Protein backbone atom coordinates (compact mmCIF):
# COMPACT_ATOMS: atom_id res chain seq x y z
CA UNK A 1 -49.16 16.51 -3.94
CA UNK A 2 -50.34 13.07 -2.46
CA UNK A 3 -48.38 12.28 0.66
CA UNK A 4 -46.38 14.11 3.19
CA UNK A 5 -42.82 14.73 1.57
CA UNK A 6 -40.25 15.74 4.48
CA UNK A 7 -36.39 17.10 3.99
CA UNK A 8 -34.54 14.63 5.73
CA UNK A 9 -30.64 15.30 7.01
CA UNK A 10 -27.61 12.87 5.13
CA UNK A 11 -24.42 10.88 6.23
CA UNK A 12 -21.63 11.46 4.12
CA UNK A 13 -19.27 8.88 3.04
CA UNK A 14 -15.61 9.54 3.73
CA UNK A 15 -11.78 9.80 1.56
CA UNK A 16 -8.51 8.85 2.78
CA UNK A 17 -6.69 10.38 0.16
CA UNK A 18 -2.99 11.03 1.22
CA UNK A 19 -3.55 15.10 0.84
CA UNK A 20 -6.07 15.27 3.55
CA UNK A 21 -6.08 16.85 7.30
CA UNK A 22 -8.50 16.42 10.35
CA UNK A 23 -10.42 19.35 9.65
CA UNK A 24 -13.63 18.06 8.87
CA UNK A 25 -13.45 15.73 11.60
CA UNK A 26 -12.56 18.55 14.50
CA UNK A 27 -14.22 21.42 13.06
CA UNK A 28 -16.98 20.08 11.44
CA UNK A 29 -17.68 16.66 13.88
CA UNK A 30 -18.09 14.38 11.32
CA UNK A 31 -16.83 11.21 13.71
CA UNK A 32 -15.44 9.05 10.45
CA UNK A 33 -12.33 6.86 11.09
CA UNK A 34 -10.30 7.52 8.93
CA UNK A 35 -6.87 9.75 9.23
CA UNK A 36 -6.59 11.68 7.17
CA UNK A 37 -9.92 12.48 6.25
CA UNK A 38 -9.56 14.35 2.69
CA UNK A 39 -13.25 14.24 1.25
CA UNK A 40 -16.63 13.97 2.99
CA UNK A 41 -19.30 13.17 -0.12
CA UNK A 42 -22.19 14.83 1.81
CA UNK A 43 -24.69 14.74 -0.40
CA UNK A 44 -23.97 11.61 -3.19
CA UNK A 45 -25.49 8.84 -5.07
CA UNK A 46 -22.15 8.47 -6.93
CA UNK A 47 -21.25 4.33 -6.87
CA UNK A 48 -17.85 5.57 -4.91
CA UNK A 49 -18.96 7.18 -1.96
CA UNK A 50 -22.95 7.01 -1.78
CA UNK A 51 -24.26 8.86 1.22
CA UNK A 52 -26.62 7.72 3.99
CA UNK A 53 -29.90 9.34 5.22
CA UNK A 54 -29.46 10.30 8.89
CA UNK A 55 -33.59 11.21 10.34
CA UNK A 56 -37.04 10.55 9.39
CA UNK A 57 -38.58 7.34 7.54
CA UNK A 58 -35.74 6.33 5.36
CA UNK A 59 -32.91 6.58 8.27
CA UNK A 60 -30.49 4.13 7.93
CA UNK A 61 -31.00 3.45 3.85
CA UNK A 62 -28.61 5.08 1.07
CA UNK A 63 -29.57 7.71 -0.73
CA UNK A 64 -29.13 5.99 -4.32
CA UNK A 65 -31.74 3.73 -2.74
CA UNK A 66 -34.61 6.36 -1.75
CA UNK A 67 -33.79 8.33 -4.90
CA UNK A 68 -34.28 4.48 -6.78
CA UNK A 69 -37.96 4.20 -4.93
CA UNK A 70 -38.85 8.02 -5.58
CA UNK A 71 -37.59 9.31 -8.31
CA UNK A 72 -39.98 12.33 -7.38
CA UNK A 73 -37.91 13.18 -5.28
CA UNK A 74 -35.45 15.36 -7.98
CA UNK A 75 -38.49 17.06 -9.73
CA UNK A 76 -39.92 17.19 -12.91
CA UNK A 77 -36.73 18.78 -14.21
CA UNK A 78 -35.28 15.37 -13.55
CA UNK A 79 -38.00 13.04 -15.03
CA UNK A 80 -36.71 9.62 -15.89
CA UNK A 81 -33.72 9.79 -14.12
CA UNK A 82 -33.25 7.41 -10.63
CA UNK A 83 -30.08 9.44 -9.16
CA UNK A 84 -29.06 12.51 -8.39
CA UNK A 85 -27.30 14.57 -11.16
CA UNK A 86 -25.23 16.31 -8.93
CA UNK A 87 -22.47 15.47 -5.88
CA UNK A 88 -21.60 18.20 -2.74
CA UNK A 89 -18.63 17.54 -1.14
CA UNK A 90 -16.35 19.14 1.81
CA UNK A 91 -12.50 19.04 0.82
CA UNK A 92 -9.91 19.44 3.52
CA UNK A 93 -6.51 20.37 1.61
CA UNK A 94 -3.52 19.77 4.41
CA UNK A 95 -1.44 19.98 1.34
CA UNK A 96 -1.46 20.37 -2.33
CA UNK A 97 -3.81 18.50 -4.71
CA UNK A 98 -2.27 16.71 -7.48
CA UNK A 99 -2.45 19.09 -10.71
CA UNK A 100 -5.61 17.40 -12.69
CA UNK A 101 -8.20 17.65 -15.25
CA UNK A 102 -11.73 16.71 -16.02
CA UNK A 103 -13.47 16.06 -19.16
CA UNK A 104 -16.43 16.98 -20.26
CA UNK A 105 -19.48 15.61 -20.79
CA UNK A 106 -19.21 14.90 -24.47
CA UNK A 107 -15.77 12.91 -23.68
CA UNK A 108 -17.17 11.07 -20.79
CA UNK A 109 -19.86 9.43 -22.63
CA UNK A 110 -17.90 8.31 -25.31
CA UNK A 111 -15.24 7.04 -23.88
CA UNK A 112 -15.88 6.22 -19.76
CA UNK A 113 -19.09 3.82 -19.92
CA UNK A 114 -21.87 6.62 -20.39
CA UNK A 115 -20.39 8.40 -17.53
CA UNK A 116 -20.79 12.18 -16.56
CA UNK A 117 -18.31 14.78 -17.20
CA UNK A 118 -17.14 17.38 -14.06
CA UNK A 119 -17.74 20.81 -13.93
CA UNK A 120 -17.75 21.84 -10.66
CA UNK A 121 -17.91 25.31 -7.92
CA UNK A 122 -15.60 25.63 -5.23
CA UNK A 123 -16.52 27.84 -2.00
CA UNK A 124 -13.50 28.70 -0.10
CA UNK A 125 -14.58 28.15 3.84
CA UNK A 126 -11.33 28.80 5.05
CA UNK A 127 -8.08 29.43 4.13
CA UNK A 128 -4.32 30.20 5.13
CA UNK A 129 -3.01 32.91 5.17
CA UNK A 130 -0.74 32.31 1.77
CA UNK A 131 -2.96 29.57 0.44
CA UNK A 132 -3.29 29.36 -3.31
CA UNK A 133 -4.55 26.93 -6.27
CA UNK A 134 -3.96 26.60 -9.99
CA UNK A 135 -6.58 27.76 -12.30
CA UNK A 136 -5.70 26.97 -15.69
CA UNK A 137 -2.73 28.37 -17.81
CA UNK A 138 -1.18 31.73 -18.13
CA UNK A 139 -0.28 31.31 -21.62
CA UNK A 140 -1.36 29.60 -24.82
CA UNK A 141 1.10 26.28 -25.02
CA UNK A 142 1.23 23.39 -27.53
CA UNK A 143 0.34 19.53 -26.22
CA UNK A 144 4.34 19.08 -26.54
CA UNK A 145 4.71 21.70 -24.43
CA UNK A 146 3.15 20.29 -21.97
CA UNK A 147 4.58 16.59 -21.98
CA UNK A 148 7.82 17.73 -21.99
CA UNK A 149 7.32 19.79 -18.79
CA UNK A 150 5.38 17.09 -16.94
CA UNK A 151 8.33 14.43 -17.96
CA UNK A 152 11.12 17.28 -16.39
CA UNK A 153 8.74 18.33 -13.21
CA UNK A 154 8.97 21.97 -15.00
CA UNK A 155 4.85 21.72 -15.13
CA UNK A 156 4.49 24.89 -13.22
CA UNK A 157 5.67 27.42 -15.33
CA UNK A 158 2.76 27.44 -17.64
CA UNK A 159 0.07 27.31 -14.68
CA UNK A 160 -1.88 30.05 -13.38
CA UNK A 161 -1.56 30.29 -9.31
CA UNK A 162 -4.43 32.54 -7.40
CA UNK A 163 -4.48 33.38 -3.83
CA UNK A 164 -6.81 32.38 -2.01
CA UNK A 165 -9.11 33.77 0.71
CA UNK A 166 -11.78 32.95 3.15
CA UNK A 167 -15.72 33.49 0.88
CA UNK A 168 -13.85 33.47 -2.66
CA UNK A 169 -15.92 31.99 -5.31
CA UNK A 170 -14.30 29.51 -7.84
CA UNK A 171 -16.10 27.75 -10.95
CA UNK A 172 -14.22 25.13 -12.81
CA UNK A 173 -15.53 24.62 -16.52
CA UNK A 174 -14.67 20.83 -17.69
CA UNK A 175 -11.25 20.93 -19.39
CA UNK A 176 -9.73 23.37 -17.21
CA UNK A 177 -6.24 22.70 -15.35
CA UNK A 178 -6.64 23.32 -11.90
CA UNK A 179 -5.14 22.28 -8.34
CA UNK A 180 -6.40 23.08 -4.59
CA UNK A 181 -3.96 24.31 -2.96
CA UNK A 182 -2.89 23.33 0.72
CA UNK A 183 -4.60 25.15 3.77
CA UNK A 184 -7.81 25.68 1.82
CA UNK A 185 -11.14 24.32 3.16
CA UNK A 186 -13.55 24.32 0.42
CA UNK A 187 -17.51 23.23 0.16
CA UNK A 188 -17.21 21.67 -3.66
CA UNK A 189 -20.67 21.60 -6.03
CA UNK A 190 -20.04 19.55 -8.64
CA UNK A 191 -21.33 17.07 -11.49
CA UNK A 192 -22.40 13.86 -10.40
CA UNK A 193 -18.95 12.10 -11.37
CA UNK A 194 -15.66 10.73 -9.94
CA UNK A 195 -13.50 11.10 -13.29
CA UNK A 196 -10.18 13.22 -12.58
CA UNK A 197 -7.09 12.70 -15.03
CA UNK A 198 -3.81 13.61 -12.83
CA UNK A 199 -1.04 15.64 -15.08
CA UNK A 200 1.36 15.83 -12.13
CA UNK A 201 1.52 14.79 -8.53
CA UNK A 202 4.71 16.01 -6.98
CA UNK A 203 6.51 12.32 -7.20
CA UNK A 204 4.16 11.62 -4.22
CA UNK A 205 3.40 7.88 -3.44
CA UNK A 206 0.64 5.97 -2.32
CA UNK A 207 -0.35 3.67 0.97
CA UNK A 208 0.75 0.84 -1.73
CA UNK A 209 4.52 2.80 -2.22
CA UNK A 210 4.14 3.58 -5.93
CA UNK A 211 3.85 6.83 -6.88
CA UNK A 212 -0.10 7.63 -8.17
CA UNK A 213 -0.32 6.85 -11.38
CA UNK A 214 -0.80 10.08 -13.99
CA UNK A 215 -3.56 9.83 -17.13
CA UNK A 216 -1.57 12.37 -19.13
CA UNK A 217 -3.02 10.68 -22.55
CA UNK A 218 -6.43 11.27 -21.56
CA UNK A 219 -6.10 14.66 -19.75
CA UNK A 220 -4.27 15.56 -23.00
CA UNK A 221 -7.65 14.52 -25.04
CA UNK A 222 -9.48 17.40 -23.06
CA UNK A 223 -7.65 19.59 -20.98
CA UNK A 224 -7.48 23.31 -22.63
CA UNK A 225 -4.38 24.50 -23.68
CA UNK A 226 -5.00 28.19 -24.23
CA UNK A 227 -4.41 30.35 -21.50
CA UNK A 228 -6.96 31.22 -18.61
CA UNK A 229 -8.48 34.40 -18.15
CA UNK A 230 -7.67 35.25 -14.39
CA UNK A 231 -10.50 34.52 -12.57
CA UNK A 232 -12.21 37.29 -10.62
CA UNK A 233 -14.70 37.37 -8.17
CA UNK A 234 -17.90 38.28 -9.09
CA UNK A 235 -20.18 40.60 -7.72
CA UNK A 236 -22.81 39.18 -5.48
CA UNK A 237 -25.41 41.18 -4.04
CA UNK A 238 -26.89 40.36 -1.14
CA UNK A 239 -30.89 40.61 -1.06
CA UNK A 240 -32.65 41.02 2.66
CA UNK A 241 -36.17 39.88 3.74
CA UNK A 242 -36.76 39.25 7.36
CA UNK A 243 -35.05 37.03 9.28
CA UNK A 244 -32.97 36.13 5.93
CA UNK A 245 -30.57 37.62 3.48
CA UNK A 246 -29.42 35.51 0.40
CA UNK A 247 -26.96 36.17 -2.83
CA UNK A 248 -25.89 34.03 -5.67
CA UNK A 249 -22.92 32.52 -6.09
CA UNK A 250 -23.53 30.93 -9.18
CA UNK A 251 -25.71 29.66 -12.13
CA UNK A 252 -25.38 27.08 -14.98
CA UNK A 253 -26.78 24.50 -16.35
CA UNK A 254 -26.20 21.80 -13.81
CA UNK A 255 -26.45 23.47 -10.88
CA UNK A 256 -27.34 26.50 -9.20
CA UNK A 257 -26.04 27.74 -5.97
CA UNK A 258 -27.17 30.87 -3.25
CA UNK A 259 -26.03 31.74 0.23
CA UNK A 260 -28.21 32.12 2.54
CA UNK A 261 -27.92 33.19 6.47
CA UNK A 262 -30.12 33.10 8.38
CA UNK A 263 -30.57 34.86 12.19
CA UNK A 264 -33.82 34.01 13.56
CA UNK A 265 -32.90 35.58 16.84
CA UNK A 266 -35.62 37.99 17.25
CA UNK A 267 -38.60 35.07 16.19
CA UNK A 268 -39.06 35.75 12.67
CA UNK A 269 -39.58 33.03 10.60
CA UNK A 270 -38.25 31.65 7.10
CA UNK A 271 -39.92 29.76 5.22
CA UNK A 272 -38.46 27.26 2.70
CA UNK A 273 -40.04 25.18 0.00
CA UNK A 274 -38.45 23.48 -2.61
CA UNK A 275 -41.36 23.38 -6.11
CA UNK A 276 -42.43 20.52 -8.35
CA UNK A 277 -39.50 21.49 -10.34
CA UNK A 278 -36.23 20.36 -8.53
CA UNK A 279 -34.81 19.45 -5.23
CA UNK A 280 -32.46 21.48 -3.25
CA UNK A 281 -30.25 20.54 -0.56
CA UNK A 282 -29.38 22.93 2.32
CA UNK A 283 -25.56 22.18 3.56
CA UNK A 284 -24.81 23.97 6.56
CA UNK A 285 -21.71 25.83 6.41
CA UNK A 286 -21.89 27.74 9.98
CA UNK A 287 -24.16 28.03 12.99
CA UNK A 288 -27.08 25.87 14.18
CA UNK A 289 -30.72 25.88 14.31
CA UNK A 290 -33.97 23.44 13.57
CA UNK A 291 -36.12 23.62 10.41
CA UNK A 292 -39.86 22.71 10.82
CA UNK A 293 -42.49 21.22 9.24
CA UNK A 294 -45.87 19.67 10.23
CA UNK A 295 -45.25 18.53 13.71
CA UNK A 296 -41.86 17.71 12.94
CA UNK A 297 -38.57 18.91 13.66
CA UNK A 298 -34.80 18.57 12.35
CA UNK A 299 -32.17 19.80 14.35
CA UNK A 300 -28.84 21.10 12.32
CA UNK A 301 -25.61 22.04 13.21
CA UNK A 302 -22.56 23.31 10.86
CA UNK A 303 -21.51 20.89 8.97
CA UNK A 304 -25.14 18.40 8.27
CA UNK A 305 -26.55 18.18 4.87
CA UNK A 306 -30.11 18.40 4.17
CA UNK A 307 -31.96 16.81 1.43
CA UNK A 308 -34.74 18.82 0.55
CA UNK A 309 -37.22 16.71 -2.27
CA UNK A 310 -39.37 18.25 -5.23
CA UNK A 311 -42.77 19.51 -3.83
CA UNK A 312 -41.53 19.02 0.04
CA UNK A 313 -43.85 20.57 2.58
CA UNK A 314 -43.42 23.91 3.51
CA UNK A 315 -40.25 24.69 5.81
CA UNK A 316 -39.51 26.68 8.60
CA UNK A 317 -36.34 27.51 9.48
CA UNK A 318 -34.88 29.05 12.90
CA UNK A 319 -31.41 29.88 14.48
CA UNK A 320 -28.46 31.59 13.76
CA UNK A 321 -27.24 29.80 10.34
CA UNK A 322 -25.34 30.32 6.74
CA UNK A 323 -26.04 27.83 4.38
CA UNK A 324 -25.03 26.88 0.83
CA UNK A 325 -28.80 26.38 -0.81
CA UNK A 326 -28.31 24.47 -3.81
CA UNK A 327 -30.59 23.47 -6.62
CA UNK A 328 -30.75 21.42 -9.02
């Protein structure tokens, strides 16, 4: 290592989609002047919502520019790349999201100007008592059946709905028809993509007074129309060491996500470091504390997102907090 490489806080972009609420402002103190505030793109180099660096030597710069200037921050696994391969969000669904599907990489590359497809993971931060989500179809369907049901407003009869509770985990592969239901507060880790094909949107209208557009033809090209197995919560095993416990949530070719619980109230020391292979992102979903590196210290609170470049200096974490530890 030929220079000191330190972590830094990120400031998100916000989205005011009509189904959102205000929990990201009231509970996560995002201080974004949007109502509703449906999503915050916490760690993003996507042109539709890039993050901004909020601490350290790059403060005020777009994460896009920082990564472009320092591609080594991504790690040797991403050599030659100049933008993040993933995107991390908070989602506050006060109302149901549209029924939708995302394309895979192959289709997106060929038909969407070389973009990435979208496989994603949802970690449920909170859910109302009756919260549900849509995960695939509960029976095999033909394209004609789906198109007809969209036309007459009966698509719901084919959708598999699943109850949702706090701490649930869902892995949504591209091609899976899905929808987040009202009352869900979710952290989402996904490919760096904003390609969404709507199948059904409850005939809602946007700010322009017109119904939001559907993308049925494209959706039919990528959607899996066979029945989906009911999603089961995976076996999760907490591994303990002094001051910290962690468990693997998801590992796929796009990202790896762990839940990490830090408690150093008895003055234990928790060390954390990214290797030279890839970057890491710490998304604080509860608690607060500080991160020390050398003679410097960075305070964090619930809702903060911290980018840890590849080959960064060793970090020491103090506090009582829960993170999603995302490894790129």
